[in-house]
Amino acid sequence: MSSATYELTKESDSLLKLTDPRFQNVIKFLEITGNLKRTPRTGWVDIGVHQPESVADHTFRTAFLCMIYADMHALDTLKLLRMALIHDLPEAVIGDLMHSQKTAKTKQKEQNAIQSILDFLPETHRENYLAVWNEYKEGKTKEAKAVRQLDKIEMALQAKEYEKMGTPNKSLERFINSAKDATAWPDLKQLLCCVLEEN
C-alpha cells in the first residue's frame, strides 16, 4: 500500500468515526449541557445582581469543592464529582428554578428533562448517570448528603463574593441563611463559617 493510499484510508476511517451516530448523540448531549453556560442563576437575578453567574459557573466550583472534600475524607470522589456535574443538569432544558418555585409539577418536569438529556448517551452510561442523579435527589446516602451541603456552601461563597462587589448584605441574607440551614455536618459547618468569615 502506498503512503498516499494509507493516508487516504486513515482519513476515511476518521470520517467514519466522526459520523458514528454514537458520537453525534454525544455531541448533541454536549450541546444541551452547553445551555447551562447561558442560564443565569435565578436567585441572583431575583435580587438584581449585575451579570450574575450561570448555572455552569456554579456547577464548576461545586465540582471542585466536592473533589477536594471527597479526597480529604476518603469518600467516593468519582461519585461526588458525577453528582456535582449532574445535579443541575435538567436546568439545561427547563431553566433554573429557585427552591420556592419548585412544585410537584416542576419536579416531574425536572425528571422528564434529565431523562430526555441522558437519552443521548449509551444505555449503560445513561442508567448509571440517572441512578447518580436520583441518589442525589433522594439525599439519603453519605455522598448525596455531602454534595447537597457543598452545593449550598458554594452558593454562600458566591453570595460573599457578591457582597464584596457591592450587593447589599440584606439582599444576600436569604442565601446565607439557606446555606446555614442546609449545613449539618460539623466539619462542613466549620467550612461554612470560614466562607462567611465568622468566628
Protein backbone atom coordinates (compact mmCIF):
# COMPACT_ATOMS: atom_id res chain seq x y z
CA MET A 1 0.00 0.00 0.00
CA SER A 2 1.40 3.38 -0.98
CA SER A 3 1.77 6.13 1.60
CA ALA A 4 -0.86 8.21 -0.24
CA THR A 5 -3.36 5.32 -0.14
CA TYR A 6 -2.56 4.73 3.53
CA GLU A 7 -3.22 8.38 4.37
CA LEU A 8 -6.50 8.30 2.41
CA THR A 9 -7.59 5.17 4.29
CA LYS A 10 -6.73 6.81 7.61
CA GLU A 11 -8.72 9.89 6.64
CA SER A 12 -11.72 7.76 5.61
CA ASP A 13 -11.57 5.89 8.93
CA SER A 14 -11.54 9.21 10.78
CA LEU A 15 -14.55 10.47 8.85
CA LEU A 16 -16.44 7.26 9.59
CA LYS A 17 -15.71 7.69 13.28
CA LEU A 18 -16.85 11.31 13.21
CA THR A 19 -20.16 10.37 11.59
CA ASP A 20 -20.75 7.47 14.01
CA PRO A 21 -24.28 8.03 15.46
CA ARG A 22 -22.95 7.43 18.96
CA PHE A 23 -20.60 10.39 18.66
CA GLN A 24 -23.30 12.52 17.08
CA ASN A 25 -25.52 11.79 20.07
CA VAL A 26 -22.72 12.65 22.49
CA ILE A 27 -22.22 15.94 20.64
CA LYS A 28 -25.95 16.63 20.96
CA PHE A 29 -25.71 15.89 24.68
CA LEU A 30 -22.82 18.35 24.99
CA GLU A 31 -24.74 21.00 23.05
CA ILE A 32 -27.61 20.68 25.52
CA THR A 33 -25.32 20.84 28.55
CA GLY A 34 -23.82 23.97 26.97
CA ASN A 35 -27.13 25.70 27.69
CA LEU A 36 -26.05 25.80 31.33
CA LYS A 37 -23.33 28.29 30.37
CA ARG A 38 -26.06 30.65 29.19
CA THR A 39 -28.55 30.02 32.00
CA PRO A 40 -28.23 32.61 34.78
CA ARG A 41 -28.82 31.59 38.37
CA THR A 42 -32.35 32.80 39.06
CA GLY A 43 -31.76 33.69 42.69
CA TRP A 44 -29.13 36.25 41.80
CA VAL A 45 -31.30 37.65 39.00
CA ASP A 46 -34.14 37.98 41.50
CA ILE A 47 -32.13 40.31 43.76
CA GLY A 48 -30.75 42.35 40.87
CA VAL A 49 -27.14 41.13 40.70
CA HIS A 50 -25.48 42.64 37.62
CA GLN A 51 -24.22 39.93 35.23
CA PRO A 52 -24.98 37.01 37.59
CA GLU A 53 -23.15 33.72 37.37
CA SER A 54 -24.51 30.95 35.18
CA VAL A 55 -25.60 27.52 36.34
CA ALA A 56 -22.42 26.16 34.73
CA ASP A 57 -20.31 28.59 36.79
CA HIS A 58 -21.93 27.28 39.95
CA THR A 59 -21.55 23.65 38.87
CA PHE A 60 -17.86 24.14 38.05
CA ARG A 61 -16.89 25.35 41.51
CA THR A 62 -19.23 22.93 43.28
CA ALA A 63 -17.39 20.12 41.49
CA PHE A 64 -14.06 21.41 42.77
CA LEU A 65 -15.44 21.63 46.31
CA CYS A 66 -16.73 18.06 46.06
CA MET A 67 -13.46 16.73 44.69
CA ILE A 68 -11.39 18.32 47.45
CA TYR A 69 -13.79 17.33 50.22
CA ALA A 70 -14.05 13.72 49.00
CA ASP A 71 -10.28 13.36 48.74
CA MET A 72 -9.81 14.79 52.24
CA HIS A 73 -12.41 12.49 53.80
CA ALA A 74 -11.94 9.23 51.88
CA LEU A 75 -15.35 9.44 50.21
CA ASP A 76 -16.11 8.17 46.71
CA THR A 77 -14.56 11.06 44.76
CA LEU A 78 -15.84 9.91 41.38
CA LYS A 79 -19.40 9.64 42.66
CA LEU A 80 -19.28 13.09 44.26
CA LEU A 81 -17.92 14.59 41.06
CA ARG A 82 -20.62 12.91 38.99
CA MET A 83 -23.30 14.17 41.35
CA ALA A 84 -21.90 17.69 41.28
CA LEU A 85 -21.77 17.74 37.48
CA ILE A 86 -25.21 16.19 37.03
CA HIS A 87 -27.21 17.73 39.91
CA ASP A 88 -28.44 20.78 37.97
CA LEU A 89 -28.42 19.19 34.50
CA PRO A 90 -32.22 19.39 33.98
CA GLU A 91 -31.88 23.18 34.11
CA ALA A 92 -30.28 23.00 30.66
CA VAL A 93 -33.83 22.32 29.42
CA ILE A 94 -36.24 23.82 31.98
CA GLY A 95 -34.15 26.73 33.25
CA ASP A 96 -33.01 27.48 36.79
CA LEU A 97 -35.73 27.29 39.42
CA MET A 98 -35.47 28.70 42.91
CA HIS A 99 -36.47 26.36 45.73
CA SER A 100 -39.61 28.44 46.33
CA GLN A 101 -40.68 27.85 42.72
CA LYS A 102 -40.49 24.06 42.90
CA THR A 103 -43.77 22.14 42.92
CA ALA A 104 -44.81 18.57 42.19
CA LYS A 105 -45.35 19.66 38.58
CA THR A 106 -41.89 21.23 38.21
CA LYS A 107 -40.29 18.19 39.86
CA GLN A 108 -41.90 16.00 37.22
CA LYS A 109 -40.60 18.36 34.53
CA GLU A 110 -37.17 18.02 36.09
CA GLN A 111 -37.41 14.22 35.97
CA ASN A 112 -38.55 14.30 32.34
CA ALA A 113 -35.75 16.71 31.43
CA ILE A 114 -32.94 14.63 32.94
CA GLN A 115 -34.23 11.53 31.16
CA SER A 116 -34.52 13.31 27.81
CA ILE A 117 -30.99 14.70 28.11
CA LEU A 118 -29.44 11.40 29.16
CA ASP A 119 -31.25 9.60 26.31
CA PHE A 120 -28.49 10.86 24.01
CA LEU A 121 -25.93 8.71 25.84
CA PRO A 122 -25.31 4.95 25.52
CA GLU A 123 -27.72 2.93 27.65
CA THR A 124 -25.19 1.74 30.25
CA HIS A 125 -23.94 5.25 30.93
CA ARG A 126 -27.45 6.68 30.80
CA GLU A 127 -28.66 4.31 33.51
CA ASN A 128 -25.57 4.94 35.63
CA TYR A 129 -25.89 8.73 35.47
CA LEU A 130 -29.63 8.63 36.10
CA ALA A 131 -29.04 6.48 39.18
CA VAL A 132 -26.49 9.03 40.44
CA TRP A 133 -28.94 11.89 39.84
CA ASN A 134 -31.75 10.05 41.63
CA GLU A 135 -29.41 9.28 44.52
CA TYR A 136 -28.61 12.98 44.80
CA LYS A 137 -32.29 13.98 44.70
CA GLU A 138 -33.22 11.43 47.38
CA GLY A 139 -30.39 12.72 49.57
CA LYS A 140 -30.09 9.58 51.70
CA THR A 141 -26.54 8.36 51.08
CA LYS A 142 -23.44 9.92 52.63
CA GLU A 143 -22.25 11.06 49.21
CA ALA A 144 -25.58 12.69 48.37
CA LYS A 145 -25.72 14.45 51.74
CA ALA A 146 -22.18 15.75 51.20
CA VAL A 147 -22.93 17.13 47.74
CA ARG A 148 -26.18 18.76 48.86
CA GLN A 149 -24.36 20.59 51.65
CA LEU A 150 -21.38 21.55 49.48
CA ASP A 151 -23.79 22.87 46.85
CA LYS A 152 -25.15 25.30 49.44
CA ILE A 153 -21.70 26.23 50.71
CA GLU A 154 -20.67 27.17 47.17
CA MET A 155 -23.76 29.35 46.99
CA ALA A 156 -22.76 31.05 50.25
CA LEU A 157 -19.27 31.67 48.89
CA GLN A 158 -20.77 33.27 45.80
CA ALA A 159 -23.02 35.42 48.00
CA LYS A 160 -19.98 36.67 49.93
CA GLU A 161 -18.25 37.49 46.67
CA TYR A 162 -21.26 39.48 45.50
CA GLU A 163 -21.27 41.29 48.83
CA LYS A 164 -17.66 42.33 48.28
CA MET A 165 -18.66 43.54 44.81
CA GLY A 166 -21.30 45.82 46.29
CA THR A 167 -24.52 43.80 46.50
CA PRO A 168 -26.31 44.85 49.72
CA ASN A 169 -25.91 42.34 52.54
CA LYS A 170 -29.65 42.41 53.25
CA SER A 171 -30.37 41.10 49.74
CA LEU A 172 -27.99 38.20 50.32
CA GLU A 173 -29.27 37.16 53.76
CA ARG A 174 -31.70 34.55 52.46
CA PHE A 175 -28.92 32.75 50.58
CA ILE A 176 -26.67 32.79 53.64
CA ASN A 177 -29.49 31.52 55.86
CA SER A 178 -30.35 28.81 53.34
CA ALA A 179 -26.74 27.60 53.43
CA LYS A 180 -26.71 27.63 57.24
CA ASP A 181 -29.96 25.66 57.40
CA ALA A 182 -28.70 23.06 54.92
CA THR A 183 -25.27 22.51 56.50
CA ALA A 184 -25.38 19.87 59.24
CA TRP A 185 -22.01 18.13 59.46
CA PRO A 186 -19.59 19.71 61.98
CA ASP A 187 -16.66 19.94 59.56
CA LEU A 188 -18.86 21.49 56.89
CA LYS A 189 -20.31 23.93 59.41
CA GLN A 190 -16.72 24.94 60.13
CA LEU A 191 -16.05 25.35 56.41
CA LEU A 192 -19.17 27.49 56.06
CA CYS A 193 -18.05 29.66 58.97
CA CYS A 194 -14.75 30.23 57.16
CA VAL A 195 -16.63 31.13 53.98
CA LEU A 196 -18.78 33.59 55.91
CA GLU A 197 -15.76 34.86 57.83
CA GLU A 198 -17.49 34.07 61.12
CA ASN A 199 -15.67 33.00 64.28
